[in-house]
PDB file of N, CA and C in Angstrom:
ATOM      1  N   MET A   1     126.863-171.459  43.280  1.00  0.00           N
ATOM      2  CA  MET A   1     126.156-170.134  43.917  1.00  0.00           C
ATOM      3  C   MET A   1     126.923-169.905  44.982  1.00  0.00           C
ATOM      4  N   VAL A   2     127.045-168.134  44.895  1.00  0.00           N
ATOM      5  CA  VAL A   2     127.857-167.804  46.182  1.00  0.00           C
ATOM      6  C   VAL A   2     126.543-166.896  46.924  1.00  0.00           C
ATOM      7  N   GLY A   3     126.770-166.659  48.280  1.00  0.00           N
ATOM      8  CA  GLY A   3     125.690-165.998  48.959  1.00  0.00           C
ATOM      9  C   GLY A   3     126.239-165.741  49.966  1.00  0.00           C
ATOM     10  N   THR A   4     125.472-165.068  50.703  1.00  0.00           N
ATOM     11  CA  THR A   4     126.181-164.364  52.030  1.00  0.00           C
ATOM     12  C   THR A   4     124.879-165.021  53.039  1.00  0.00           C
ATOM     13  N   LEU A   5     125.622-164.796  54.518  1.00  0.00           N
ATOM     14  CA  LEU A   5     124.744-165.089  55.503  1.00  0.00           C
ATOM     15  C   LEU A   5     125.072-164.339  56.189  1.00  0.00           C
ATOM     16  N   PRO A   6     123.656-163.502  57.004  1.00  0.00           N
ATOM     17  CA  PRO A   6     124.106-162.325  58.116  1.00  0.00           C
ATOM     18  C   PRO A   6     124.837-162.909  59.442  1.00  0.00           C
ATOM     19  N   ILE A   7     125.301-162.227  59.854  1.00  0.00           N
ATOM     20  CA  ILE A   7     125.949-162.601  61.268  1.00  0.00           C
ATOM     21  C   ILE A   7     125.606-161.999  62.234  1.00  0.00           C
ATOM     22  N   ALA A   8     124.820-162.165  63.302  1.00  0.00           N
ATOM     23  CA  ALA A   8     123.949-161.396  64.236  1.00  0.00           C
ATOM     24  C   ALA A   8     125.144-161.153  65.244  1.00  0.00           C
ATOM     25  N   PRO A   9     124.994-159.685  65.874  1.00  0.00           N
ATOM     26  CA  PRO A   9     125.987-159.372  66.692  1.00  0.00           C
ATOM     27  C   PRO A   9     125.472-159.971  68.026  1.00  0.00           C
ATOM     28  N   GLU A  10     126.141-161.214  68.521  1.00  0.00           N
ATOM     29  CA  GLU A  10     125.723-162.028  69.239  1.00  0.00           C
ATOM     30  C   GLU A  10     126.030-161.487  70.892  1.00  0.00           C
ATOM     31  N   ASP A  11     127.068-160.268  70.990  1.00  0.00           N
ATOM     32  CA  ASP A  11     127.346-159.461  71.901  1.00  0.00           C
ATOM     33  C   ASP A  11     126.613-158.484  72.448  1.00  0.00           C
ATOM     34  N   ASN A  12     125.434-158.022  71.305  1.00  0.00           N
ATOM     35  CA  ASN A  12     124.499-156.845  71.579  1.00  0.00           C
ATOM     36  C   ASN A  12     123.512-156.988  72.208  1.00  0.00           C
ATOM     37  N   VAL A  13     123.380-156.120  73.050  1.00  0.00           N
ATOM     38  CA  VAL A  13     122.284-156.396  74.500  1.00  0.00           C
ATOM     39  C   VAL A  13     120.537-156.174  73.515  1.00  0.00           C
ATOM     40  N   ASP A  14     120.665-155.183  72.618  1.00  0.00           N
ATOM     41  CA  ASP A  14     119.501-155.464  72.320  1.00  0.00           C
ATOM     42  C   ASP A  14     119.147-156.677  71.223  1.00  0.00           C
ATOM     43  N   TYR A  15     119.839-157.439  70.652  1.00  0.00           N
ATOM     44  CA  TYR A  15     119.886-158.534  69.795  1.00  0.00           C
ATOM     45  C   TYR A  15     119.741-159.417  70.511  1.00  0.00           C
ATOM     46  N   LEU A  16     120.495-159.675  71.696  1.00  0.00           N
ATOM     47  CA  LEU A  16     120.253-160.693  72.862  1.00  0.00           C
ATOM     48  C   LEU A  16     118.516-160.557  73.495  1.00  0.00           C
ATOM     49  N   ALA A  17     118.123-159.360  73.603  1.00  0.00           N
ATOM     50  CA  ALA A  17     116.778-159.345  73.989  1.00  0.00           C
ATOM     51  C   ALA A  17     115.583-159.728  73.005  1.00  0.00           C
ATOM     52  N   PHE A  18     116.025-159.356  71.772  1.00  0.00           N
ATOM     53  CA  PHE A  18     114.998-159.902  70.697  1.00  0.00           C
ATOM     54  C   PHE A  18     115.337-161.058  70.641  1.00  0.00           C
ATOM     55  N   VAL A  19     116.369-161.831  70.671  1.00  0.00           N
ATOM     56  CA  VAL A  19     116.242-163.602  70.466  1.00  0.00           C
ATOM     57  C   VAL A  19     115.754-164.058  71.851  1.00  0.00           C
ATOM     58  N   SER A  20     115.624-163.612  72.729  1.00  0.00           N
ATOM     59  CA  SER A  20     114.842-163.793  74.269  1.00  0.00           C
ATOM     60  C   SER A  20     113.346-164.011  74.133  1.00  0.00           C
ATOM     61  N   ARG A  21     113.023-162.759  73.796  1.00  0.00           N
ATOM     62  CA  ARG A  21     111.475-162.347  73.567  1.00  0.00           C
ATOM     63  C   ARG A  21     111.339-163.732  72.006  1.00  0.00           C
ATOM     64  N   TYR A  22     111.788-163.895  71.306  1.00  0.00           N
ATOM     65  CA  TYR A  22     111.492-164.614  70.319  1.00  0.00           C
ATOM     66  C   TYR A  22     111.532-165.817  70.580  1.00  0.00           C
ATOM     67  N   GLN A  23     112.087-166.262  71.165  1.00  0.00           N
ATOM     68  CA  GLN A  23     112.024-167.819  71.813  1.00  0.00           C
ATOM     69  C   GLN A  23     111.116-167.899  73.116  1.00  0.00           C
ATOM     70  N   GLN A  24     110.959-167.258  73.534  1.00  0.00           N
ATOM     71  CA  GLN A  24     109.592-167.099  74.755  1.00  0.00           C
ATOM     72  C   GLN A  24     108.430-167.385  73.591  1.00  0.00           C
ATOM     73  N   ARG A  25     108.123-166.537  72.943  1.00  0.00           N
ATOM     74  CA  ARG A  25     106.927-166.546  72.153  1.00  0.00           C
ATOM     75  C   ARG A  25     106.879-167.682  71.180  1.00  0.00           C
ATOM     76  N   LEU A  26     107.771-168.202  70.152  1.00  0.00           N
ATOM     77  CA  LEU A  26     107.806-169.169  69.539  1.00  0.00           C
ATOM     78  C   LEU A  26     108.239-170.456  69.710  1.00  0.00           C
ATOM     79  N   ASP A  27     109.135-170.571  70.883  1.00  0.00           N
ATOM     80  CA  ASP A  27     109.415-171.823  71.341  1.00  0.00           C
ATOM     81  C   ASP A  27     110.861-172.189  70.308  1.00  0.00           C
ATOM     82  N   GLU A  28     111.316-171.343  69.643  1.00  0.00           N
ATOM     83  CA  GLU A  28     112.376-171.966  68.597  1.00  0.00           C
ATOM     84  C   GLU A  28     113.402-170.854  68.658  1.00  0.00           C
ATOM     85  N   ALA A  29     114.851-170.785  68.100  1.00  0.00           N
ATOM     86  CA  ALA A  29     115.515-169.971  67.651  1.00  0.00           C
ATOM     87  C   ALA A  29     115.152-169.490  66.474  1.00  0.00           C
ATOM     88  N   PRO A  30     115.570-167.977  66.419  1.00  0.00           N
ATOM     89  CA  PRO A  30     115.501-167.206  65.344  1.00  0.00           C
ATOM     90  C   PRO A  30     116.419-167.305  63.946  1.00  0.00           C
ATOM     91  N   GLU A  31     115.825-167.897  63.077  1.00  0.00           N
ATOM     92  CA  GLU A  31     116.397-168.216  62.050  1.00  0.00           C
ATOM     93  C   GLU A  31     117.678-167.328  61.165  1.00  0.00           C
ATOM     94  N   SER A  32     118.285-167.275  59.980  1.00  0.00           N
ATOM     95  CA  SER A  32     118.949-166.629  59.230  1.00  0.00           C
ATOM     96  C   SER A  32     117.981-165.831  59.074  1.00  0.00           C
ATOM     97  N   PHE A  33     118.505-164.294  58.693  1.00  0.00           N
ATOM     98  CA  PHE A  33     117.409-163.280  58.120  1.00  0.00           C
ATOM     99  C   PHE A  33     116.382-162.755  58.720  1.00  0.00           C
ATOM    100  N   ILE A  34     115.958-163.630  60.082  1.00  0.00           N
ATOM    101  CA  ILE A  34     114.845-163.112  60.972  1.00  0.00           C
ATOM    102  C   ILE A  34     114.737-161.675  61.488  1.00  0.00           C
ATOM    103  N   GLU A  35     116.117-161.156  61.822  1.00  0.00           N
ATOM    104  CA  GLU A  35     116.479-159.671  62.111  1.00  0.00           C
ATOM    105  C   GLU A  35     116.155-158.824  61.527  1.00  0.00           C
ATOM    106  N   SER A  36     116.292-158.816  60.005  1.00  0.00           N
ATOM    107  CA  SER A  36     116.271-158.276  58.764  1.00  0.00           C
ATOM    108  C   SER A  36     114.607-158.310  58.509  1.00  0.00           C
ATOM    109  N   THR A  37     113.718-159.346  58.487  1.00  0.00           N
ATOM    110  CA  THR A  37     112.573-159.740  57.754  1.00  0.00           C
ATOM    111  C   THR A  37     112.088-158.949  58.985  1.00  0.00           C
ATOM    112  N   TYR A  38     111.999-158.574  60.466  1.00  0.00           N
ATOM    113  CA  TYR A  38     111.384-157.780  61.634  1.00  0.00           C
ATOM    114  C   TYR A  38     111.690-156.807  61.314  1.00  0.00           C
ATOM    115  N   ASP A  39     112.895-155.890  61.165  1.00  0.00           N
ATOM    116  CA  ASP A  39     113.099-154.629  60.654  1.00  0.00           C
ATOM    117  C   ASP A  39     112.098-154.156  59.148  1.00  0.00           C
ATOM    118  N   ALA A  40     112.059-155.024  58.106  1.00  0.00           N
ATOM    119  CA  ALA A  40     111.517-154.404  57.243  1.00  0.00           C
ATOM    120  C   ALA A  40     109.963-154.433  57.413  1.00  0.00           C
ATOM    121  N   ILE A  41     109.332-155.401  58.040  1.00  0.00           N
ATOM    122  CA  ILE A  41     108.080-155.310  58.569  1.00  0.00           C
ATOM    123  C   ILE A  41     107.447-154.043  59.581  1.00  0.00           C
ATOM    124  N   TYR A  42     108.767-153.803  60.380  1.00  0.00           N
ATOM    125  CA  TYR A  42     108.224-152.662  61.107  1.00  0.00           C
ATOM    126  C   TYR A  42     108.723-151.394  60.364  1.00  0.00           C
ATOM    127  N   LEU A  43     109.371-151.295  59.527  1.00  0.00           N
ATOM    128  CA  LEU A  43     109.551-150.596  58.295  1.00  0.00           C
ATOM    129  C   LEU A  43     108.404-149.980  57.893  1.00  0.00           C
ATOM    130  N   LEU A  44     107.525-151.069  57.563  1.00  0.00           N
ATOM    131  CA  LEU A  44     106.321-151.001  56.453  1.00  0.00           C
ATOM    132  C   LEU A  44     105.374-150.361  57.215  1.00  0.00           C
ATOM    133  N   ALA A  45     105.599-150.923  58.599  1.00  0.00           N
ATOM    134  CA  ALA A  45     104.303-150.452  59.569  1.00  0.00           C
ATOM    135  C   ALA A  45     104.586-148.917  59.612  1.00  0.00           C
ATOM    136  N   LEU A  46     105.607-148.511  59.781  1.00  0.00           N
ATOM    137  CA  LEU A  46     105.444-147.204  60.140  1.00  0.00           C
ATOM    138  C   LEU A  46     105.235-146.287  58.674  1.00  0.00           C
ATOM    139  N   CYS A  47     105.951-146.946  57.567  1.00  0.00           N
ATOM    140  CA  CYS A  47     105.229-146.211  56.269  1.00  0.00           C
ATOM    141  C   CYS A  47     103.889-146.292  55.973  1.00  0.00           C
ATOM    142  N   MET A  48     103.203-147.037  56.535  1.00  0.00           N
ATOM    143  CA  MET A  48     101.455-147.121  56.201  1.00  0.00           C
ATOM    144  C   MET A  48     100.996-146.179  57.230  1.00  0.00           C
ATOM    145  N   LEU A  49     101.660-146.361  58.669  1.00  0.00           N
ATOM    146  CA  LEU A  49     101.216-145.105  59.523  1.00  0.00           C
ATOM    147  C   LEU A  49     101.453-143.786  59.194  1.00  0.00           C
ATOM    148  N   SER A  50     102.696-143.298  58.651  1.00  0.00           N
ATOM    149  CA  SER A  50     102.789-142.193  57.633  1.00  0.00           C
ATOM    150  C   SER A  50     101.931-141.789  56.620  1.00  0.00           C
ATOM    151  N   ALA A  51     101.576-142.904  55.826  1.00  0.00           N
ATOM    152  CA  ALA A  51     100.560-142.339  54.821  1.00  0.00           C
ATOM    153  C   ALA A  51      99.285-142.854  55.065  1.00  0.00           C
ATOM    154  N   GLN A  52      99.123-142.964  56.082  1.00  0.00           N
ATOM    155  CA  GLN A  52      97.588-143.285  57.156  1.00  0.00           C
ATOM    156  C   GLN A  52      97.176-144.030  55.986  1.00  0.00           C
ATOM    157  N   SER A  53      97.275-145.118  55.371  1.00  0.00           N
ATOM    158  CA  SER A  53      97.047-145.997  54.438  1.00  0.00           C
ATOM    159  C   SER A  53      97.837-147.218  54.182  1.00  0.00           C
ATOM    160  N   ALA A  54      97.192-148.169  53.751  1.00  0.00           N
ATOM    161  CA  ALA A  54      97.841-149.572  53.125  1.00  0.00           C
ATOM    162  C   ALA A  54      97.552-149.712  51.658  1.00  0.00           C
ATOM    163  N   ASP A  55      97.108-148.519  51.277  1.00  0.00           N
ATOM    164  CA  ASP A  55      97.345-148.230  49.689  1.00  0.00           C
ATOM    165  C   ASP A  55      98.749-148.252  49.349  1.00  0.00           C
ATOM    166  N   PRO A  56      99.282-149.206  48.484  1.00  0.00           N
ATOM    167  CA  PRO A  56     100.881-149.075  48.125  1.00  0.00           C
ATOM    168  C   PRO A  56     101.445-147.989  47.400  1.00  0.00           C
ATOM    169  N   ALA A  57     100.402-147.132  46.448  1.00  0.00           N
ATOM    170  CA  ALA A  57     100.623-146.202  45.738  1.00  0.00           C
ATOM    171  C   ALA A  57     100.740-145.351  46.647  1.00  0.00           C
ATOM    172  N   ARG A  58     100.090-145.021  48.309  1.00  0.00           N
ATOM    173  CA  ARG A  58     100.152-143.854  49.228  1.00  0.00           C
ATOM    174  C   ARG A  58     101.314-144.056  49.914  1.00  0.00           C
ATOM    175  N   ILE A  59     101.818-145.289  50.026  1.00  0.00           N
ATOM    176  CA  ILE A  59     102.833-145.740  50.943  1.00  0.00           C
ATOM    177  C   ILE A  59     104.151-145.216  50.181  1.00  0.00           C
ATOM    178  N   ALA A  60     104.164-145.618  48.868  1.00  0.00           N
ATOM    179  CA  ALA A  60     105.268-145.117  48.020  1.00  0.00           C
ATOM    180  C   ALA A  60     105.552-143.640  47.580  1.00  0.00           C
ATOM    181  N   ALA A  61     104.759-142.995  47.657  1.00  0.00           N
ATOM    182  CA  ALA A  61     104.460-141.341  47.369  1.00  0.00           C
ATOM    183  C   ALA A  61     105.256-140.767  48.650  1.00  0.00           C
ATOM    184  N   PRO A  62     106.131-139.619  48.230  1.00  0.00           N
ATOM    185  CA  PRO A  62     106.779-138.879  49.277  1.00  0.00           C
ATOM    186  C   PRO A  62     105.833-138.237  50.265  1.00  0.00           C
ATOM    187  N   PRO A  63     106.061-138.189  51.440  1.00  0.00           N
ATOM    188  CA  PRO A  63     105.230-137.363  52.309  1.00  0.00           C
ATOM    189  C   PRO A  63     104.853-136.149  51.871  1.00  0.00           C
ATOM    190  N   ALA A  64     103.865-135.809  52.739  1.00  0.00           N
ATOM    191  CA  ALA A  64     103.659-134.361  52.474  1.00  0.00           C
ATOM    192  C   ALA A  64     104.712-133.351  53.420  1.00  0.00           C
ATOM    193  N   PRO A  65     105.689-132.435  52.902  1.00  0.00           N
ATOM    194  CA  PRO A  65     106.721-131.407  53.717  1.00  0.00           C
ATOM    195  C   PRO A  65     106.365-131.280  55.594  1.00  0.00           C
ATOM    196  N   SER A  66     104.974-131.348  55.611  1.00  0.00           N
ATOM    197  CA  SER A  66     104.537-131.105  56.951  1.00  0.00           C
ATOM    198  C   SER A  66     104.558-132.465  58.118  1.00  0.00           C
ATOM    199  N   THR A  67     104.686-133.553  57.026  1.00  0.00           N
ATOM    200  CA  THR A  67     104.312-134.434  57.770  1.00  0.00           C
ATOM    201  C   THR A  67     105.517-135.477  58.284  1.00  0.00           C
ATOM    202  N   SER A  68     105.448-135.758  59.594  1.00  0.00           N
ATOM    203  CA  SER A  68     106.701-136.692  60.127  1.00  0.00           C
ATOM    204  C   SER A  68     106.229-137.904  60.964  1.00  0.00           C
ATOM    205  N   ILE A  69     107.135-138.710  61.221  1.00  0.00           N
ATOM    206  CA  ILE A  69     106.678-140.196  61.747  1.00  0.00           C
ATOM    207  C   ILE A  69     106.157-139.712  62.729  1.00  0.00           C
ATOM    208  N   VAL A  70     106.575-138.779  63.735  1.00  0.00           N
ATOM    209  CA  VAL A  70     106.317-138.672  64.905  1.00  0.00           C
ATOM    210  C   VAL A  70     104.754-138.146  65.052  1.00  0.00           C
ATOM    211  N   THR A  71     104.232-137.456  63.951  1.00  0.00           N
ATOM    212  CA  THR A  71     103.063-136.604  63.774  1.00  0.00           C
ATOM    213  C   THR A  71     102.019-137.733  63.390  1.00  0.00           C
ATOM    214  N   ALA A  72     102.566-138.709  62.603  1.00  0.00           N
ATOM    215  CA  ALA A  72     102.024-139.616  62.035  1.00  0.00           C
ATOM    216  C   ALA A  72     101.369-140.802  63.203  1.00  0.00           C
ATOM    217  N   ILE A  73     102.365-140.964  64.198  1.00  0.00           N
ATOM    218  CA  ILE A  73     102.252-142.159  65.039  1.00  0.00           C
ATOM    219  C   ILE A  73     101.286-141.668  66.334  1.00  0.00           C
ATOM    220  N   SER A  74     101.687-140.360  66.483  1.00  0.00           N
ATOM    221  CA  SER A  74     100.361-139.712  67.498  1.00  0.00           C
ATOM    222  C   SER A  74      98.968-139.711  67.756  1.00  0.00           C
TER     223      SER A  74
END
């Protein structure tokens, strides 16, 4: 089996801040793919806000032309 393992940008200030907060809250180092998982959950939350629903069909539907994420969050 062949696979890949993400390599985090260890010299990136934002990544280092993420790792620091993660370790402070969970008292352990983040595992592989945790950054991608965090991003995916955050994106899902933004989609739910934009759809104003947790219904998968409404989340998957294209937003109305006048809807913006800024409007949905406000």
